[in-house]
Amino acid sequence: GLSKYHFSRRFKQRTGQSPYQFVIYERVRTARRLLRVTTHPLAQIALDVGFSSQSHFTRTFKRHVGATPGRYRAAWRE
């Protein structure tokens, strides 16, 4: 029963982040887990967690984690 504006405002008041930021955080968090526990290709993980392309996934992941998905996975495999 809330407008988009009021929902977004209340969401940010309660969580400290916008709904969009929350969704991106959850996508990256899920991708980190999948990179650790699966051998799925990066493009498949990108699509599985909701990114439209592997390049968008890689840019966003690197911005949030500080490493590319490939390097992140390799670090967990060592």
C-alpha atoms as a PDB file:
ATOM      1  CA  GLY A   1       0.000   0.000   0.000  1.00  0.00           C
ATOM      2  CA  LEU A   2       2.980   2.400  -0.358  1.00  0.00           C
ATOM      3  CA  SER A   3       4.101   4.417  -3.343  1.00  0.00           C
ATOM      4  CA  LYS A   4       7.526   3.587  -4.766  1.00  0.00           C
ATOM      5  CA  TYR A   5       8.903   6.756  -3.209  1.00  0.00           C
ATOM      6  CA  HIS A   6       7.600   5.998   0.276  1.00  0.00           C
ATOM      7  CA  PHE A   7       8.669   2.364   0.102  1.00  0.00           C
ATOM      8  CA  SER A   8      12.179   3.359  -0.942  1.00  0.00           C
ATOM      9  CA  ARG A   9      12.376   5.990   1.782  1.00  0.00           C
ATOM     10  CA  ARG A  10      11.203   3.628   4.534  1.00  0.00           C
ATOM     11  CA  PHE A  11      13.440   0.840   3.283  1.00  0.00           C
ATOM     12  CA  LYS A  12      16.482   3.112   3.441  1.00  0.00           C
ATOM     13  CA  GLN A  13      15.532   4.336   6.922  1.00  0.00           C
ATOM     14  CA  ARG A  14      15.341   0.767   8.197  1.00  0.00           C
ATOM     15  CA  THR A  15      18.292  -0.821   6.383  1.00  0.00           C
ATOM     16  CA  GLY A  16      20.625   2.099   5.672  1.00  0.00           C
ATOM     17  CA  GLN A  17      20.673   1.347   1.961  1.00  0.00           C
ATOM     18  CA  SER A  18      18.374   1.825  -0.992  1.00  0.00           C
ATOM     19  CA  PRO A  19      16.403  -1.144  -2.343  1.00  0.00           C
ATOM     20  CA  TYR A  20      18.685  -1.185  -5.403  1.00  0.00           C
ATOM     21  CA  GLN A  21      21.843  -1.224  -3.255  1.00  0.00           C
ATOM     22  CA  PHE A  22      20.367  -4.045  -1.194  1.00  0.00           C
ATOM     23  CA  VAL A  23      19.616  -6.139  -4.297  1.00  0.00           C
ATOM     24  CA  ILE A  24      23.129  -5.611  -5.667  1.00  0.00           C
ATOM     25  CA  TYR A  25      24.652  -6.511  -2.280  1.00  0.00           C
ATOM     26  CA  GLU A  26      22.641  -9.739  -2.167  1.00  0.00           C
ATOM     27  CA  ARG A  27      23.590 -10.627  -5.752  1.00  0.00           C
ATOM     28  CA  VAL A  28      27.289 -10.152  -5.003  1.00  0.00           C
ATOM     29  CA  ARG A  29      26.988 -12.084  -1.732  1.00  0.00           C
ATOM     30  CA  THR A  30      25.344 -15.011  -3.521  1.00  0.00           C
ATOM     31  CA  ALA A  31      27.927 -14.858  -6.320  1.00  0.00           C
ATOM     32  CA  ARG A  32      30.759 -15.035  -3.778  1.00  0.00           C
ATOM     33  CA  ARG A  33      29.268 -18.221  -2.347  1.00  0.00           C
ATOM     34  CA  LEU A  34      28.772 -19.762  -5.799  1.00  0.00           C
ATOM     35  CA  LEU A  35      32.335 -18.922  -6.797  1.00  0.00           C
ATOM     36  CA  ARG A  36      33.610 -20.739  -3.714  1.00  0.00           C
ATOM     37  CA  VAL A  37      31.465 -23.874  -3.899  1.00  0.00           C
ATOM     38  CA  THR A  38      30.871 -24.489  -7.619  1.00  0.00           C
ATOM     39  CA  THR A  39      32.853 -24.758 -10.813  1.00  0.00           C
ATOM     40  CA  HIS A  40      30.162 -23.109 -12.930  1.00  0.00           C
ATOM     41  CA  PRO A  41      31.442 -20.699 -15.584  1.00  0.00           C
ATOM     42  CA  LEU A  42      31.476 -17.027 -14.589  1.00  0.00           C
ATOM     43  CA  ALA A  43      28.913 -16.173 -17.260  1.00  0.00           C
ATOM     44  CA  GLN A  44      26.508 -18.734 -15.798  1.00  0.00           C
ATOM     45  CA  ILE A  45      26.971 -17.400 -12.273  1.00  0.00           C
ATOM     46  CA  ALA A  46      26.368 -13.865 -13.549  1.00  0.00           C
ATOM     47  CA  LEU A  47      23.055 -14.926 -15.070  1.00  0.00           C
ATOM     48  CA  ASP A  48      22.110 -17.086 -12.074  1.00  0.00           C
ATOM     49  CA  VAL A  49      22.408 -14.192  -9.637  1.00  0.00           C
ATOM     50  CA  GLY A  50      20.567 -11.738 -11.886  1.00  0.00           C
ATOM     51  CA  PHE A  51      23.150  -9.779 -13.861  1.00  0.00           C
ATOM     52  CA  SER A  52      22.398  -9.139 -17.526  1.00  0.00           C
ATOM     53  CA  SER A  53      25.949  -9.885 -18.673  1.00  0.00           C
ATOM     54  CA  GLN A  54      29.261 -11.200 -17.440  1.00  0.00           C
ATOM     55  CA  SER A  55      30.925  -7.824 -17.998  1.00  0.00           C
ATOM     56  CA  HIS A  56      28.378  -6.011 -15.806  1.00  0.00           C
ATOM     57  CA  PHE A  57      28.800  -8.730 -13.184  1.00  0.00           C
ATOM     58  CA  THR A  58      32.598  -8.420 -13.272  1.00  0.00           C
ATOM     59  CA  ARG A  59      32.568  -4.615 -12.934  1.00  0.00           C
ATOM     60  CA  THR A  60      30.070  -4.683 -10.071  1.00  0.00           C
ATOM     61  CA  PHE A  61      31.785  -7.577  -8.287  1.00  0.00           C
ATOM     62  CA  LYS A  62      35.179  -5.865  -8.489  1.00  0.00           C
ATOM     63  CA  ARG A  63      33.732  -2.601  -7.170  1.00  0.00           C
ATOM     64  CA  HIS A  64      32.233  -4.388  -4.139  1.00  0.00           C
ATOM     65  CA  VAL A  65      34.834  -7.068  -3.404  1.00  0.00           C
ATOM     66  CA  GLY A  66      38.043  -5.509  -4.708  1.00  0.00           C
ATOM     67  CA  ALA A  67      38.891  -8.392  -7.039  1.00  0.00           C
ATOM     68  CA  THR A  68      37.464  -9.815 -10.227  1.00  0.00           C
ATOM     69  CA  PRO A  69      35.329 -12.943  -9.897  1.00  0.00           C
ATOM     70  CA  GLY A  70      38.063 -15.035 -11.531  1.00  0.00           C
ATOM     71  CA  ARG A  71      40.729 -13.839  -9.099  1.00  0.00           C
ATOM     72  CA  TYR A  72      38.356 -14.261  -6.168  1.00  0.00           C
ATOM     73  CA  ARG A  73      37.689 -17.862  -7.173  1.00  0.00           C
ATOM     74  CA  ALA A  74      41.380 -18.559  -7.740  1.00  0.00           C
ATOM     75  CA  ALA A  75      42.255 -17.204  -4.288  1.00  0.00           C
ATOM     76  CA  TRP A  76      39.784 -19.633  -2.700  1.00  0.00           C
ATOM     77  CA  ARG A  77      41.202 -22.567  -4.668  1.00  0.00           C
ATOM     78  CA  GLU A  78      44.811 -22.030  -3.524  1.00  0.00           C
END
